[in-house]
Each structure stands twice: as C-alpha cells, then as structure tokens.
C-alpha cells in the first residue's frame, strides 16, 4: 500500500474503549462544561414544557416547574427500568 494507512476492523469492545477515551479527552479540554451542554439541556427541558403545557397557556415559571417535575419523573422511570433489567440479568425479581 503506497502512502495509505491500513485499517483493521475493531471489535465492539475496542470501539467502545476508544470512544470512551475520546470522550474523556474531549471533556478534559472543556473549561465551560455548562456552556457546552446548555443547548442540549434547554432542548431537553423544552420537550417536557411542551408535554405539560402543549398550548403554552401557563405562566412561564409554572410551566418550568411542572416541566422539571416531569423530567424528574421521566428519569426515575428510566432508573426503575434499568434496575429491573439488572435484577433480571442477575436472576432476581427487581
């Protein structure tokens, strides 16, 4: 092969490990963590604001408070599903 690099297929574990290394290296070079994730965080909260107030009739502070609770409930549901899956994998009942 002249001048080119030869690429080898990576296993799933190797790809995962390389991705984790890259992610940690990227975050190591990020001074403003909140700034980096601000857009995604705002979009995620907007999803719950639309869920709790689809017509946009509530006061902004009320809508935000309700959206924060909806987001918390969603995260707790994810945690519950994760715990059940781990328990099933370990042979328990969750």
PDB file of N, CA and C in Angstrom:
ATOM      1  N   UNK A   1       0.839  -1.176   0.000  1.00  0.00           N
ATOM      2  CA  UNK A   1       0.000   0.000   0.000  1.00  0.00           C
ATOM      3  C   UNK A   1       0.881   1.235   0.000  1.00  0.00           C
ATOM      4  N   UNK A   2       0.751   2.060  -0.978  1.00  0.00           N
ATOM      5  CA  UNK A   2       1.636   3.213  -1.052  1.00  0.00           C
ATOM      6  C   UNK A   2       1.002   4.445  -0.431  1.00  0.00           C
ATOM      7  N   UNK A   3       1.618   4.929   0.630  1.00  0.00           N
ATOM      8  CA  UNK A   3       1.201   6.168   1.258  1.00  0.00           C
ATOM      9  C   UNK A   3      -0.083   6.107   2.070  1.00  0.00           C
ATOM     10  N   UNK A   4      -0.791   5.012   2.048  1.00  0.00           N
ATOM     11  CA  UNK A   4      -2.050   4.924   2.788  1.00  0.00           C
ATOM     12  C   UNK A   4      -1.865   4.176   4.089  1.00  0.00           C
ATOM     13  N   UNK A   5      -2.856   4.320   4.950  1.00  0.00           N
ATOM     14  CA  UNK A   5      -2.825   3.575   6.208  1.00  0.00           C
ATOM     15  C   UNK A   5      -3.742   2.386   6.080  1.00  0.00           C
ATOM     16  N   UNK A   6      -3.330   1.305   6.661  1.00  0.00           N
ATOM     17  CA  UNK A   6      -4.148   0.106   6.640  1.00  0.00           C
ATOM     18  C   UNK A   6      -5.021   0.100   7.896  1.00  0.00           C
ATOM     19  N   UNK A   7      -6.330  -0.070   7.709  1.00  0.00           N
ATOM     20  CA  UNK A   7      -7.256  -0.067   8.828  1.00  0.00           C
ATOM     21  C   UNK A   7      -7.695  -1.484   9.136  1.00  0.00           C
ATOM     22  N   UNK A   8      -7.703  -1.797  10.408  1.00  0.00           N
ATOM     23  CA  UNK A   8      -8.160  -3.110  10.848  1.00  0.00           C
ATOM     24  C   UNK A   8      -9.540  -2.949  11.461  1.00  0.00           C
ATOM     25  N   UNK A   9     -10.348  -3.973  11.268  1.00  0.00           N
ATOM     26  CA  UNK A   9     -11.670  -3.953  11.883  1.00  0.00           C
ATOM     27  C   UNK A   9     -11.508  -4.040  13.397  1.00  0.00           C
ATOM     28  N   UNK A  10     -12.291  -3.256  14.100  1.00  0.00           N
ATOM     29  CA  UNK A  10     -12.234  -3.250  15.557  1.00  0.00           C
ATOM     30  C   UNK A  10     -13.415  -4.033  16.115  1.00  0.00           C
ATOM     31  N   UNK A  11     -13.196  -4.642  17.250  1.00  0.00           N
ATOM     32  CA  UNK A  11     -14.296  -5.319  17.925  1.00  0.00           C
ATOM     33  C   UNK A  11     -15.174  -4.264  18.592  1.00  0.00           C
ATOM     34  N   UNK A  12     -16.344  -4.677  19.018  1.00  0.00           N
ATOM     35  CA  UNK A  12     -17.250  -3.758  19.707  1.00  0.00           C
ATOM     36  C   UNK A  12     -16.600  -3.215  20.976  1.00  0.00           C
ATOM     37  N   UNK A  13     -15.889  -4.064  21.697  1.00  0.00           N
ATOM     38  CA  UNK A  13     -15.223  -3.614  22.925  1.00  0.00           C
ATOM     39  C   UNK A  13     -14.133  -2.598  22.620  1.00  0.00           C
ATOM     40  N   UNK A  14     -13.384  -2.817  21.545  1.00  0.00           N
ATOM     41  CA  UNK A  14     -12.335  -1.873  21.175  1.00  0.00           C
ATOM     42  C   UNK A  14     -12.928  -0.520  20.769  1.00  0.00           C
ATOM     43  N   UNK A  15     -14.001  -0.552  19.981  1.00  0.00           N
ATOM     44  CA  UNK A  15     -14.654   0.701  19.579  1.00  0.00           C
ATOM     45  C   UNK A  15     -15.178   1.441  20.799  1.00  0.00           C
ATOM     46  N   UNK A  16     -15.790   0.701  21.711  1.00  0.00           N
ATOM     47  CA  UNK A  16     -16.328   1.310  22.926  1.00  0.00           C
ATOM     48  C   UNK A  16     -15.221   1.947  23.752  1.00  0.00           C
ATOM     49  N   UNK A  17     -14.119   1.235  23.911  1.00  0.00           N
ATOM     50  CA  UNK A  17     -12.997   1.746  24.695  1.00  0.00           C
ATOM     51  C   UNK A  17     -12.419   3.006  24.043  1.00  0.00           C
ATOM     52  N   UNK A  18     -12.268   2.992  22.726  1.00  0.00           N
ATOM     53  CA  UNK A  18     -11.736   4.168  22.031  1.00  0.00           C
ATOM     54  C   UNK A  18     -12.688   5.356  22.138  1.00  0.00           C
ATOM     55  N   UNK A  19     -13.975   5.084  22.064  1.00  0.00           N
ATOM     56  CA  UNK A  19     -14.952   6.162  22.190  1.00  0.00           C
ATOM     57  C   UNK A  19     -14.907   6.768  23.589  1.00  0.00           C
ATOM     58  N   UNK A  20     -14.763   5.927  24.605  1.00  0.00           N
ATOM     59  CA  UNK A  20     -14.671   6.419  25.982  1.00  0.00           C
ATOM     60  C   UNK A  20     -13.419   7.268  26.168  1.00  0.00           C
ATOM     61  N   UNK A  21     -12.309   6.826  25.594  1.00  0.00           N
ATOM     62  CA  UNK A  21     -11.060   7.594  25.676  1.00  0.00           C
ATOM     63  C   UNK A  21     -11.257   8.961  25.025  1.00  0.00           C
ATOM     64  N   UNK A  22     -11.851   8.975  23.843  1.00  0.00           N
ATOM     65  CA  UNK A  22     -12.072  10.234  23.127  1.00  0.00           C
ATOM     66  C   UNK A  22     -13.004  11.159  23.905  1.00  0.00           C
ATOM     67  N   UNK A  23     -14.042  10.592  24.497  1.00  0.00           N
ATOM     68  CA  UNK A  23     -14.986  11.412  25.264  1.00  0.00           C
ATOM     69  C   UNK A  23     -14.305  12.041  26.472  1.00  0.00           C
ATOM     70  N   UNK A  24     -13.527  11.251  27.187  1.00  0.00           N
ATOM     71  CA  UNK A  24     -12.832  11.793  28.358  1.00  0.00           C
ATOM     72  C   UNK A  24     -11.797  12.840  27.954  1.00  0.00           C
ATOM     73  N   UNK A  25     -11.099  12.610  26.851  1.00  0.00           N
ATOM     74  CA  UNK A  25     -10.119  13.590  26.373  1.00  0.00           C
ATOM     75  C   UNK A  25     -10.820  14.891  25.989  1.00  0.00           C
ATOM     76  N   UNK A  26     -11.970  14.773  25.344  1.00  0.00           N
ATOM     77  CA  UNK A  26     -12.725  15.956  24.957  1.00  0.00           C
ATOM     78  C   UNK A  26     -13.177  16.752  26.178  1.00  0.00           C
ATOM     79  N   UNK A  27     -13.733  16.051  27.182  1.00  0.00           N
ATOM     80  CA  UNK A  27     -14.177  16.742  28.396  1.00  0.00           C
ATOM     81  C   UNK A  27     -12.994  17.308  29.177  1.00  0.00           C
ATOM     82  N   UNK A  28     -11.836  16.688  29.081  1.00  0.00           N
ATOM     83  CA  UNK A  28     -10.646  17.205  29.760  1.00  0.00           C
ATOM     84  C   UNK A  28     -10.225  18.553  29.179  1.00  0.00           C
ATOM     85  N   UNK A  29     -10.612  18.814  27.936  1.00  0.00           N
ATOM     86  CA  UNK A  29     -10.263  20.069  27.273  1.00  0.00           C
ATOM     87  C   UNK A  29     -11.420  21.064  27.249  1.00  0.00           C
ATOM     88  N   UNK A  30     -12.448  20.816  28.033  1.00  0.00           N
ATOM     89  CA  UNK A  30     -13.622  21.690  28.072  1.00  0.00           C
ATOM     90  C   UNK A  30     -13.661  22.417  29.407  1.00  0.00           C
ATOM     91  N   UNK A  31     -13.391  23.713  29.371  1.00  0.00           N
ATOM     92  CA  UNK A  31     -13.401  24.501  30.606  1.00  0.00           C
ATOM     93  C   UNK A  31     -14.828  24.847  31.031  1.00  0.00           C
ATOM     94  N   UNK A  32     -15.688  25.165  30.069  1.00  0.00           N
ATOM     95  CA  UNK A  32     -17.061  25.581  30.367  1.00  0.00           C
ATOM     96  C   UNK A  32     -18.013  24.423  30.093  1.00  0.00           C
ATOM     97  N   UNK A  33     -18.145  23.540  31.067  1.00  0.00           N
ATOM     98  CA  UNK A  33     -18.976  22.348  30.899  1.00  0.00           C
ATOM     99  C   UNK A  33     -20.443  22.715  30.703  1.00  0.00           C
ATOM    100  N   UNK A  34     -20.944  23.655  31.488  1.00  0.00           N
ATOM    101  CA  UNK A  34     -22.345  24.051  31.349  1.00  0.00           C
ATOM    102  C   UNK A  34     -22.601  24.702  29.995  1.00  0.00           C
ATOM    103  N   UNK A  35     -21.665  25.504  29.547  1.00  0.00           N
ATOM    104  CA  UNK A  35     -21.817  26.146  28.247  1.00  0.00           C
ATOM    105  C   UNK A  35     -21.864  25.131  27.118  1.00  0.00           C
ATOM    106  N   UNK A  36     -21.079  24.099  27.233  1.00  0.00           N
ATOM    107  CA  UNK A  36     -21.024  23.075  26.190  1.00  0.00           C
ATOM    108  C   UNK A  36     -22.337  22.307  26.083  1.00  0.00           C
ATOM    109  N   UNK A  37     -23.016  22.121  27.200  1.00  0.00           N
ATOM    110  CA  UNK A  37     -24.242  21.324  27.187  1.00  0.00           C
ATOM    111  C   UNK A  37     -25.511  22.172  27.275  1.00  0.00           C
ATOM    112  N   UNK A  38     -25.383  23.488  27.313  1.00  0.00           N
ATOM    113  CA  UNK A  38     -26.542  24.365  27.529  1.00  0.00           C
ATOM    114  C   UNK A  38     -27.629  24.173  26.477  1.00  0.00           C
ATOM    115  N   UNK A  39     -27.255  24.112  25.228  1.00  0.00           N
ATOM    116  CA  UNK A  39     -28.245  23.977  24.160  1.00  0.00           C
ATOM    117  C   UNK A  39     -29.016  22.666  24.278  1.00  0.00           C
ATOM    118  N   UNK A  40     -28.311  21.581  24.523  1.00  0.00           N
ATOM    119  CA  UNK A  40     -28.968  20.278  24.661  1.00  0.00           C
ATOM    120  C   UNK A  40     -29.862  20.244  25.893  1.00  0.00           C
ATOM    121  N   UNK A  41     -29.399  20.823  26.989  1.00  0.00           N
ATOM    122  CA  UNK A  41     -30.201  20.852  28.218  1.00  0.00           C
ATOM    123  C   UNK A  41     -31.483  21.652  28.014  1.00  0.00           C
ATOM    124  N   UNK A  42     -31.373  22.781  27.340  1.00  0.00           N
ATOM    125  CA  UNK A  42     -32.550  23.614  27.083  1.00  0.00           C
ATOM    126  C   UNK A  42     -33.541  22.890  26.179  1.00  0.00           C
ATOM    127  N   UNK A  43     -33.038  22.210  25.166  1.00  0.00           N
ATOM    128  CA  UNK A  43     -33.912  21.456  24.263  1.00  0.00           C
ATOM    129  C   UNK A  43     -34.612  20.320  24.990  1.00  0.00           C
ATOM    130  N   UNK A  44     -33.885  19.644  25.862  1.00  0.00           N
ATOM    131  CA  UNK A  44     -34.461  18.533  26.612  1.00  0.00           C
ATOM    132  C   UNK A  44     -35.569  19.035  27.534  1.00  0.00           C
ATOM    133  N   UNK A  45     -35.333  20.152  28.218  1.00  0.00           N
ATOM    134  CA  UNK A  45     -36.360  20.707  29.096  1.00  0.00           C
ATOM    135  C   UNK A  45     -37.559  21.195  28.282  1.00  0.00           C
ATOM    136  N   UNK A  46     -37.309  21.748  27.094  1.00  0.00           N
ATOM    137  CA  UNK A  46     -38.403  22.218  26.234  1.00  0.00           C
ATOM    138  C   UNK A  46     -39.343  21.075  25.876  1.00  0.00           C
ATOM    139  N   UNK A  47     -38.798  19.885  25.723  1.00  0.00           N
ATOM    140  CA  UNK A  47     -39.622  18.704  25.445  1.00  0.00           C
ATOM    141  C   UNK A  47     -40.664  18.522  26.550  1.00  0.00           C
ATOM    142  N   UNK A  48     -40.243  18.662  27.789  1.00  0.00           N
ATOM    143  CA  UNK A  48     -41.154  18.468  28.914  1.00  0.00           C
ATOM    144  C   UNK A  48     -42.084  19.667  29.089  1.00  0.00           C
ATOM    145  N   UNK A  49     -41.619  20.857  28.731  1.00  0.00           N
ATOM    146  CA  UNK A  49     -42.502  22.025  28.773  1.00  0.00           C
ATOM    147  C   UNK A  49     -43.657  21.848  27.795  1.00  0.00           C
ATOM    148  N   UNK A  50     -43.368  21.311  26.614  1.00  0.00           N
ATOM    149  CA  UNK A  50     -44.424  21.050  25.631  1.00  0.00           C
ATOM    150  C   UNK A  50     -45.356  19.949  26.116  1.00  0.00           C
ATOM    151  N   UNK A  51     -44.801  18.995  26.828  1.00  0.00           N
ATOM    152  CA  UNK A  51     -45.604  17.888  27.352  1.00  0.00           C
ATOM    153  C   UNK A  51     -46.601  18.382  28.401  1.00  0.00           C
ATOM    154  N   UNK A  52     -46.145  19.231  29.318  1.00  0.00           N
ATOM    155  CA  UNK A  52     -47.017  19.667  30.414  1.00  0.00           C
ATOM    156  C   UNK A  52     -47.910  20.850  30.021  1.00  0.00           C
ATOM    157  N   UNK A  53     -47.539  21.582  28.982  1.00  0.00           N
ATOM    158  CA  UNK A  53     -48.317  22.753  28.562  1.00  0.00           C
ATOM    159  C   UNK A  53     -48.316  22.851  27.037  1.00  0.00           C
ATOM    160  N   UNK A  54     -48.995  21.913  26.363  1.00  0.00           N
ATOM    161  CA  UNK A  54     -48.935  21.884  24.903  1.00  0.00           C
ATOM    162  C   UNK A  54     -49.490  23.147  24.231  1.00  0.00           C
ATOM    163  N   UNK A  55     -50.404  23.835  24.892  1.00  0.00           N
ATOM    164  CA  UNK A  55     -50.984  25.048  24.301  1.00  0.00           C
ATOM    165  C   UNK A  55     -50.231  26.313  24.690  1.00  0.00           C
ATOM    166  N   UNK A  56     -49.294  26.197  25.620  1.00  0.00           N
ATOM    167  CA  UNK A  56     -48.496  27.345  26.042  1.00  0.00           C
ATOM    168  C   UNK A  56     -49.294  28.401  26.781  1.00  0.00           C
ATOM    169  N   UNK A  57     -50.247  27.963  27.603  1.00  0.00           N
ATOM    170  CA  UNK A  57     -51.111  28.914  28.305  1.00  0.00           C
ATOM    171  C   UNK A  57     -50.670  29.193  29.739  1.00  0.00           C
ATOM    172  N   UNK A  58     -49.786  28.386  30.274  1.00  0.00           N
ATOM    173  CA  UNK A  58     -49.345  28.567  31.660  1.00  0.00           C
ATOM    174  C   UNK A  58     -48.324  29.696  31.767  1.00  0.00           C
ATOM    175  N   UNK A  59     -48.216  30.241  32.963  1.00  0.00           N
ATOM    176  CA  UNK A  59     -47.165  31.221  33.234  1.00  0.00           C
ATOM    177  C   UNK A  59     -45.810  30.521  33.074  1.00  0.00           C
ATOM    178  N   UNK A  60     -44.808  31.213  32.563  1.00  0.00           N
ATOM    179  CA  UNK A  60     -43.503  30.580  32.320  1.00  0.00           C
ATOM    180  C   UNK A  60     -42.912  29.870  33.539  1.00  0.00           C
ATOM    181  N   UNK A  61     -43.000  30.481  34.715  1.00  0.00           N
ATOM    182  CA  UNK A  61     -42.427  29.849  35.913  1.00  0.00           C
ATOM    183  C   UNK A  61     -43.187  28.584  36.301  1.00  0.00           C
ATOM    184  N   UNK A  62     -44.513  28.622  36.164  1.00  0.00           N
ATOM    185  CA  UNK A  62     -45.328  27.441  36.472  1.00  0.00           C
ATOM    186  C   UNK A  62     -44.996  26.322  35.493  1.00  0.00           C
ATOM    187  N   UNK A  63     -44.929  26.664  34.203  1.00  0.00           N
ATOM    188  CA  UNK A  63     -44.608  25.685  33.171  1.00  0.00           C
ATOM    189  C   UNK A  63     -43.228  25.072  33.422  1.00  0.00           C
ATOM    190  N   UNK A  64     -42.258  25.913  33.787  1.00  0.00           N
ATOM    191  CA  UNK A  64     -40.907  25.406  34.034  1.00  0.00           C
ATOM    192  C   UNK A  64     -40.885  24.468  35.234  1.00  0.00           C
ATOM    193  N   UNK A  65     -41.576  24.843  36.306  1.00  0.00           N
ATOM    194  CA  UNK A  65     -41.627  23.988  37.499  1.00  0.00           C
ATOM    195  C   UNK A  65     -42.253  22.640  37.169  1.00  0.00           C
ATOM    196  N   UNK A  66     -43.363  22.676  36.428  1.00  0.00           N
ATOM    197  CA  UNK A  66     -44.027  21.428  36.048  1.00  0.00           C
ATOM    198  C   UNK A  66     -43.127  20.589  35.139  1.00  0.00           C
ATOM    199  N   UNK A  67     -42.430  21.253  34.222  1.00  0.00           N
ATOM    200  CA  UNK A  67     -41.532  20.546  33.308  1.00  0.00           C
ATOM    201  C   UNK A  67     -40.386  19.892  34.066  1.00  0.00           C
ATOM    202  N   UNK A  68     -39.862  20.577  35.066  1.00  0.00           N
ATOM    203  CA  UNK A  68     -38.781  19.996  35.870  1.00  0.00           C
ATOM    204  C   UNK A  68     -39.261  18.741  36.594  1.00  0.00           C
ATOM    205  N   UNK A  69     -40.500  18.775  37.096  1.00  0.00           N
ATOM    206  CA  UNK A  69     -41.055  17.586  37.748  1.00  0.00           C
ATOM    207  C   UNK A  69     -41.286  16.465  36.733  1.00  0.00           C
ATOM    208  N   UNK A  70     -41.761  16.811  35.550  1.00  0.00           N
ATOM    209  CA  UNK A  70     -41.969  15.804  34.505  1.00  0.00           C
ATOM    210  C   UNK A  70     -40.643  15.170  34.103  1.00  0.00           C
ATOM    211  N   UNK A  71     -39.601  16.000  34.016  1.00  0.00           N
ATOM    212  CA  UNK A  71     -38.276  15.469  33.673  1.00  0.00           C
ATOM    213  C   UNK A  71     -37.766  14.541  34.768  1.00  0.00           C
ATOM    214  N   UNK A  72     -37.955  14.928  36.024  1.00  0.00           N
ATOM    215  CA  UNK A  72     -37.531  14.091  37.143  1.00  0.00           C
ATOM    216  C   UNK A  72     -38.278  12.753  37.123  1.00  0.00           C
ATOM    217  N   UNK A  73     -39.589  12.795  36.866  1.00  0.00           N
ATOM    218  CA  UNK A  73     -40.384  11.564  36.789  1.00  0.00           C
ATOM    219  C   UNK A  73     -39.873  10.668  35.665  1.00  0.00           C
ATOM    220  N   UNK A  74     -39.546  11.262  34.527  1.00  0.00           N
ATOM    221  CA  UNK A  74     -39.021  10.500  33.396  1.00  0.00           C
ATOM    222  C   UNK A  74     -37.705   9.815  33.762  1.00  0.00           C
ATOM    223  N   UNK A  75     -36.816  10.554  34.404  1.00  0.00           N
ATOM    224  CA  UNK A  75     -35.527   9.991  34.801  1.00  0.00           C
ATOM    225  C   UNK A  75     -35.702   8.866  35.819  1.00  0.00           C
ATOM    226  N   UNK A  76     -36.629   9.031  36.747  1.00  0.00           N
ATOM    227  CA  UNK A  76     -36.888   7.975  37.729  1.00  0.00           C
ATOM    228  C   UNK A  76     -37.478   6.734  37.063  1.00  0.00           C
ATOM    229  N   UNK A  77     -38.309   6.931  36.040  1.00  0.00           N
ATOM    230  CA  UNK A  77     -38.839   5.791  35.290  1.00  0.00           C
ATOM    231  C   UNK A  77     -37.708   5.047  34.583  1.00  0.00           C
ATOM    232  N   UNK A  78     -36.779   5.797  33.994  1.00  0.00           N
ATOM    233  CA  UNK A  78     -35.623   5.159  33.355  1.00  0.00           C
ATOM    234  C   UNK A  78     -34.801   4.378  34.373  1.00  0.00           C
ATOM    235  N   UNK A  79     -34.604   4.959  35.547  1.00  0.00           N
ATOM    236  CA  UNK A  79     -33.836   4.282  36.596  1.00  0.00           C
ATOM    237  C   UNK A  79     -34.542   3.008  37.038  1.00  0.00           C
ATOM    238  N   UNK A  80     -35.859   3.064  37.148  1.00  0.00           N
ATOM    239  CA  UNK A  80     -36.633   1.880  37.539  1.00  0.00           C
ATOM    240  C   UNK A  80     -36.496   0.774  36.495  1.00  0.00           C
ATOM    241  N   UNK A  81     -36.613   1.137  35.230  1.00  0.00           N
ATOM    242  CA  UNK A  81     -36.463   0.137  34.162  1.00  0.00           C
ATOM    243  C   UNK A  81     -35.060  -0.457  34.162  1.00  0.00           C
ATOM    244  N   UNK A  82     -34.063   0.376  34.402  1.00  0.00           N
ATOM    245  CA  UNK A  82     -32.683  -0.093  34.453  1.00  0.00           C
ATOM    246  C   UNK A  82     -32.473  -1.060  35.615  1.00  0.00           C
ATOM    247  N   UNK A  83     -33.021  -0.724  36.775  1.00  0.00           N
ATOM    248  CA  UNK A  83     -32.885  -1.591  37.950  1.00  0.00           C
ATOM    249  C   UNK A  83     -33.553  -2.939  37.709  1.00  0.00           C
ATOM    250  N   UNK A  84     -34.723  -2.920  37.077  1.00  0.00           N
ATOM    251  CA  UNK A  84     -35.418  -4.177  36.776  1.00  0.00           C
ATOM    252  C   UNK A  84     -34.608  -5.026  35.804  1.00  0.00           C
ATOM    253  N   UNK A  85     -34.032  -4.397  34.798  1.00  0.00           N
ATOM    254  CA  UNK A  85     -33.226  -5.131  33.823  1.00  0.00           C
ATOM    255  C   UNK A  85     -31.994  -5.734  34.484  1.00  0.00           C
ATOM    256  N   UNK A  86     -31.351  -4.977  35.369  1.00  0.00           N
ATOM    257  CA  UNK A  86     -30.179  -5.511  36.072  1.00  0.00           C
ATOM    258  C   UNK A  86     -30.572  -6.671  36.969  1.00  0.00           C
ATOM    259  N   UNK A  87     -31.714  -6.547  37.629  1.00  0.00           N
ATOM    260  CA  UNK A  87     -32.179  -7.626  38.509  1.00  0.00           C
ATOM    261  C   UNK A  87     -32.490  -8.881  37.699  1.00  0.00           C
ATOM    262  N   UNK A  88     -33.125  -8.704  36.541  1.00  0.00           N
ATOM    263  CA  UNK A  88     -33.411  -9.867  35.684  1.00  0.00           C
ATOM    264  C   UNK A  88     -32.116 -10.540  35.249  1.00  0.00           C
ATOM    265  N   UNK A  89     -31.136  -9.729  34.870  1.00  0.00           N
ATOM    266  CA  UNK A  89     -29.853 -10.275  34.419  1.00  0.00           C
ATOM    267  C   UNK A  89     -29.145 -11.018  35.542  1.00  0.00           C
ATOM    268  N   UNK A  90     -29.369 -10.573  36.786  1.00  0.00           N
ATOM    269  CA  UNK A  90     -28.727 -11.211  37.937  1.00  0.00           C
ATOM    270  C   UNK A  90     -29.567 -12.357  38.497  1.00  0.00           C
ATOM    271  N   UNK A  91     -30.741 -12.568  37.905  1.00  0.00           N
ATOM    272  CA  UNK A  91     -31.589 -13.661  38.365  1.00  0.00           C
ATOM    273  C   UNK A  91     -32.532 -13.291  39.486  1.00  0.00           C
ATOM    274  N   UNK A  92     -32.667 -11.999  39.776  1.00  0.00           N
ATOM    275  CA  UNK A  92     -33.579 -11.542  40.829  1.00  0.00           C
ATOM    276  C   UNK A  92     -34.911 -11.138  40.234  1.00  0.00           C
ATOM    277  N   UNK A  93     -35.744 -10.485  41.050  1.00  0.00           N
ATOM    278  CA  UNK A  93     -37.059 -10.080  40.565  1.00  0.00           C
ATOM    279  C   UNK A  93     -37.227  -8.567  40.442  1.00  0.00           C
ATOM    280  N   UNK A  94     -36.214  -7.798  40.796  1.00  0.00           N
ATOM    281  CA  UNK A  94     -36.251  -6.358  40.624  1.00  0.00           C
ATOM    282  C   UNK A  94     -36.890  -5.663  41.746  1.00  0.00           C
TER     283      UNK A  94
END
